[in-house]
Protein backbone atom coordinates (compact mmCIF):
# COMPACT_ATOMS: atom_id res chain seq x y z
CA UNK A 1 135.84 105.72 98.16
CA UNK A 2 136.78 107.20 94.87
CA UNK A 3 137.16 110.92 94.79
CA UNK A 4 136.32 112.96 92.18
CA UNK A 5 137.93 116.75 91.44
CA UNK A 6 136.26 119.34 89.41
CA UNK A 7 137.57 122.44 87.95
CA UNK A 8 135.46 124.91 88.51
CA UNK A 9 137.72 128.07 86.83
CA UNK A 10 137.15 129.12 83.24
CA UNK A 11 140.41 127.67 81.97
CA UNK A 12 142.23 124.15 82.12
CA UNK A 13 144.64 123.44 85.19
CA UNK A 14 147.88 121.74 84.68
CA UNK A 15 149.84 120.00 87.48
CA UNK A 16 153.24 119.84 86.77
CA UNK A 17 155.89 117.70 88.53
CA UNK A 18 159.31 118.96 89.79
CA UNK A 19 160.83 117.89 86.12
CA UNK A 20 158.45 120.23 84.49
CA UNK A 21 156.09 117.49 82.76
CA UNK A 22 152.29 117.68 83.08
CA UNK A 23 150.84 114.92 85.18
CA UNK A 24 147.59 115.52 85.18
CA UNK A 25 145.41 118.32 83.92
CA UNK A 26 141.76 119.08 84.71
CA UNK A 27 139.98 120.75 82.20
CA UNK A 28 136.76 123.47 82.98
CA UNK A 29 134.05 121.89 84.34
CA UNK A 30 132.23 125.34 84.71
CA UNK A 31 132.75 128.32 86.75
CA UNK A 32 132.05 129.25 90.03
CA UNK A 33 132.56 132.81 91.31
CA UNK A 34 131.83 135.43 93.37
CA UNK A 35 129.33 138.24 93.04
CA UNK A 36 130.95 141.43 92.22
CA UNK A 37 130.36 145.20 92.36
CA UNK A 38 132.26 148.21 90.91
CA UNK A 39 132.18 151.87 91.56
CA UNK A 40 133.86 154.41 89.97
CA UNK A 41 135.77 156.67 92.32
CA UNK A 42 137.42 159.08 90.69
CA UNK A 43 140.14 159.11 87.66
CA UNK A 44 143.83 159.39 87.11
CA UNK A 45 145.03 160.85 83.70
CA UNK A 46 141.91 160.23 82.38
CA UNK A 47 141.58 156.45 83.40
CA UNK A 48 138.76 155.29 85.51
CA UNK A 49 139.73 154.28 89.09
CA UNK A 50 137.27 151.62 90.05
CA UNK A 51 136.70 150.04 93.47
CA UNK A 52 135.72 146.62 93.27
CA UNK A 53 134.08 144.67 96.24
CA UNK A 54 133.32 140.86 96.04
CA UNK A 55 130.32 139.22 97.41
CA UNK A 56 128.48 136.08 97.52
CA UNK A 57 129.40 133.09 95.85
CA UNK A 58 128.10 131.86 92.83
CA UNK A 59 127.97 128.60 91.28
CA UNK A 60 129.22 126.29 93.82
CA UNK A 61 127.76 122.97 94.00
CA UNK A 62 126.55 121.60 97.41
CA UNK A 63 129.38 120.05 99.44
CA UNK A 64 129.89 115.99 98.93
CA UNK A 65 132.17 113.83 101.07
CA UNK A 66 133.86 112.82 97.69
CA UNK A 67 133.47 115.87 95.29
CA UNK A 68 136.51 118.73 95.94
CA UNK A 69 136.57 121.69 93.61
CA UNK A 70 139.27 123.63 92.12
CA UNK A 71 138.18 127.35 92.45
CA UNK A 72 139.88 130.70 92.40
CA UNK A 73 140.94 132.37 95.58
CA UNK A 74 138.38 135.13 95.41
CA UNK A 75 135.68 132.48 94.95
CA UNK A 76 137.07 130.34 97.97
CA UNK A 77 137.01 133.68 99.69
CA UNK A 78 133.74 134.36 98.95
CA UNK A 79 132.61 131.18 100.25
CA UNK A 80 134.53 131.64 103.62
CA UNK A 81 132.54 135.11 104.32
CA UNK A 82 129.51 134.03 103.07
CA UNK A 83 129.28 131.24 105.83
CA UNK A 84 130.17 128.31 103.52
CA UNK A 85 132.25 125.53 104.58
CA UNK A 86 135.75 125.18 102.43
CA UNK A 87 136.42 122.11 103.23
CA UNK A 88 135.72 120.79 99.30
CA UNK A 89 137.54 124.03 97.72
CA UNK A 90 141.20 123.90 96.27
CA UNK A 91 142.96 126.21 94.93
CA UNK A 92 146.02 126.25 92.88
CA UNK A 93 149.49 126.69 94.37
CA UNK A 94 153.11 126.63 93.38
CA UNK A 95 152.85 127.93 90.25
CA UNK A 96 154.72 127.19 87.27
CA UNK A 97 155.48 129.93 84.39
CA UNK A 98 157.10 129.53 81.33
CA UNK A 99 160.19 131.35 80.01
CA UNK A 100 157.74 134.71 79.24
CA UNK A 101 156.44 134.50 82.80
CA UNK A 102 152.96 133.12 81.63
CA UNK A 103 151.39 131.00 84.11
CA UNK A 104 151.23 127.31 82.27
CA UNK A 105 150.41 125.31 85.59
CA UNK A 106 150.90 124.47 89.32
CA UNK A 107 152.65 122.03 91.18
CA UNK A 108 149.99 121.45 93.86
CA UNK A 109 146.30 121.65 94.84
CA UNK A 110 145.86 123.57 98.19
CA UNK A 111 143.25 123.73 100.91
CA UNK A 112 141.28 126.83 101.70
CA UNK A 113 140.81 127.83 105.12
């Protein structure tokens, strides 16, 4: 049975091996996210301080035995808290950064439980 991995983050995901070579790229296939609520709770030095809470997942397809989705940790956590199974969700693991400290990819995909 063929396994399909779809990237439901807003940017492409590069899988990078131990030698720094990109071995797989997952282009964005859309975006799953969590609803969010923002409430201003004050200011510090004139800067608004916001309390942000995350709610239900949005944009997650129905679970399928052969399709997996790369999502953000926030989206995966929203799915878990809503009671949706996370057996089809991956988050990025072992991030790889360039010499400027910017994330350029990851070395693995992680299951989310």
